[in-house]
Amino acid sequence: MREVLKRKDPYTGELFFPKRANQKFARPENRIKFNNDAANELRREREHINKPIHIAHVKLRKLMDGRNEAEFSIDFLRGYGLDFNVFNHYVLYNGIKRRAIFEFIIIIYRYNKRIKVIRHDKL
């Protein structure tokens, strides 16, 4: 017969006898709280990145309502509160890697201080 050893719950630190070979927590509540705490910590760490992207996405959706493509001046978009220093991926558009915020491709024309925004549905 196999000997059952006590284990230490990683959330509370209490010792317990596991009922299954893969049991790590003394109670299901401890497992749920442990995983929720870990997920919340990860959200807090990512907040400074995700929040500006989320805000830019919401504003772009509102600005591009009913349009698939539009061109704006950089000053207008700055006044509107958009920050194009943040993006979440690149999209290959006409053979060039372009910045994108979710479904919106951002093309910056520095020579005339304009920004072209294109809704890209293939995501």
Protein backbone atom coordinates (compact mmCIF):
# COMPACT_ATOMS: atom_id res chain seq x y z
CA MET A 1 0.00 0.00 0.00
CA ARG A 2 1.23 3.46 -0.89
CA GLU A 3 1.92 5.89 1.92
CA VAL A 4 0.00 9.20 1.76
CA LEU A 5 2.14 12.17 2.74
CA LYS A 6 0.92 15.50 3.97
CA ARG A 7 1.09 18.39 1.54
CA LYS A 8 1.24 22.09 2.11
CA ASP A 9 -1.49 24.25 0.53
CA PRO A 10 0.27 26.94 -1.58
CA TYR A 11 -2.43 29.54 -0.78
CA THR A 12 -2.92 29.16 2.99
CA GLY A 13 0.17 27.19 3.95
CA GLU A 14 -1.88 24.63 5.90
CA LEU A 15 -0.92 20.97 5.89
CA PHE A 16 -3.45 18.45 4.58
CA PHE A 17 -3.77 14.86 3.40
CA PRO A 18 -4.52 14.85 -0.36
CA LYS A 19 -7.43 12.72 -1.55
CA ARG A 20 -6.05 12.60 -5.11
CA ALA A 21 -2.51 12.22 -6.41
CA ASN A 22 -2.66 15.58 -8.19
CA GLN A 23 -4.38 17.58 -5.42
CA LYS A 24 -2.44 20.72 -4.57
CA PHE A 25 -4.91 22.71 -2.47
CA ALA A 26 -6.67 21.73 0.75
CA ARG A 27 -10.02 23.13 -0.45
CA PRO A 28 -11.52 24.21 -3.78
CA GLU A 29 -11.99 27.75 -2.40
CA ASN A 30 -8.22 28.03 -1.88
CA ARG A 31 -7.58 26.97 -5.50
CA ILE A 32 -10.09 29.54 -6.81
CA LYS A 33 -8.69 32.37 -4.65
CA PHE A 34 -5.10 31.45 -5.58
CA ASN A 35 -5.87 31.51 -9.31
CA ASN A 36 -7.95 34.71 -9.05
CA ASP A 37 -5.12 36.45 -7.18
CA ALA A 38 -2.63 35.34 -9.85
CA ALA A 39 -4.91 36.57 -12.66
CA ASN A 40 -5.48 39.92 -10.92
CA GLU A 41 -1.74 40.41 -10.44
CA LEU A 42 -1.17 39.74 -14.14
CA ARG A 43 -3.91 42.27 -15.04
CA ARG A 44 -2.26 44.88 -12.81
CA GLU A 45 1.12 44.28 -14.45
CA ARG A 46 -0.35 44.65 -17.96
CA GLU A 47 -2.62 47.61 -17.15
CA HIS A 48 -0.14 50.30 -18.24
CA ILE A 49 -0.01 48.63 -21.69
CA ASN A 50 -3.59 47.45 -22.15
CA LYS A 51 -5.38 50.60 -20.97
CA PRO A 52 -3.98 52.99 -23.64
CA ILE A 53 -4.61 50.38 -26.36
CA HIS A 54 -8.16 49.84 -25.12
CA ILE A 55 -8.85 53.61 -25.03
CA ALA A 56 -7.42 54.05 -28.55
CA HIS A 57 -9.54 51.15 -29.85
CA VAL A 58 -12.76 52.54 -28.36
CA LYS A 59 -12.05 55.99 -29.82
CA LEU A 60 -11.17 54.55 -33.24
CA ARG A 61 -14.38 52.52 -33.32
CA LYS A 62 -16.38 55.65 -32.59
CA LEU A 63 -14.44 57.76 -35.10
CA MET A 64 -14.64 55.13 -37.86
CA ASP A 65 -18.32 54.26 -37.36
CA GLY A 66 -19.73 53.48 -40.80
CA ARG A 67 -16.37 53.96 -42.54
CA ASN A 68 -13.79 51.45 -43.70
CA GLU A 69 -11.09 53.99 -44.53
CA ALA A 70 -10.46 57.61 -43.58
CA GLU A 71 -7.63 60.12 -43.41
CA PHE A 72 -7.18 62.60 -40.57
CA SER A 73 -4.66 65.22 -39.56
CA ILE A 74 -2.32 64.28 -36.75
CA ASP A 75 -3.37 67.40 -34.82
CA PHE A 76 -7.05 66.42 -35.02
CA LEU A 77 -6.35 62.91 -33.72
CA ARG A 78 -4.15 64.22 -30.91
CA GLY A 79 -6.93 66.62 -29.93
CA TYR A 80 -9.37 63.70 -30.07
CA GLY A 81 -7.16 61.96 -27.52
CA LEU A 82 -5.57 59.23 -29.63
CA ASP A 83 -2.03 58.07 -28.97
CA PHE A 84 -0.41 56.24 -31.87
CA ASN A 85 2.68 55.29 -29.92
CA VAL A 86 0.71 52.27 -28.73
CA PHE A 87 -0.43 49.37 -30.89
CA ASN A 88 -0.93 45.67 -30.38
CA HIS A 89 0.34 44.09 -33.60
CA TYR A 90 1.60 44.58 -37.14
CA VAL A 91 -0.34 43.83 -40.32
CA LEU A 92 1.19 43.29 -43.75
CA TYR A 93 -0.61 45.86 -45.93
CA ASN A 94 0.44 46.35 -49.57
CA GLY A 95 3.71 44.58 -48.83
CA ILE A 96 4.62 46.83 -45.89
CA LYS A 97 4.31 46.01 -42.21
CA ARG A 98 1.95 48.55 -40.66
CA ARG A 99 1.03 49.21 -37.04
CA ALA A 100 -2.45 48.10 -36.02
CA ILE A 101 -4.81 48.48 -33.10
CA PHE A 102 -7.06 45.44 -33.26
CA GLU A 103 -8.93 45.71 -36.60
CA PHE A 104 -7.57 49.16 -37.51
CA ILE A 105 -4.42 49.62 -39.60
CA ILE A 106 -2.59 52.88 -38.92
CA ILE A 107 -0.56 54.52 -41.69
CA ILE A 108 1.33 57.66 -40.65
CA TYR A 109 2.30 60.11 -43.40
CA ARG A 110 4.88 62.32 -41.71
CA TYR A 111 5.50 64.50 -44.78
CA ASN A 112 1.97 65.99 -44.70
CA LYS A 113 1.15 65.29 -41.04
CA ARG A 114 -1.76 63.00 -41.86
CA ILE A 115 -2.79 59.58 -40.60
CA LYS A 116 -4.77 57.08 -42.62
CA VAL A 117 -6.92 54.61 -40.68
CA ILE A 118 -8.15 51.47 -42.45
CA ARG A 119 -10.57 48.92 -41.03
CA HIS A 120 -9.05 45.50 -41.66
CA ASP A 121 -11.62 42.74 -41.26
CA LYS A 122 -9.29 39.75 -41.77
CA LEU A 123 -8.27 39.19 -38.16
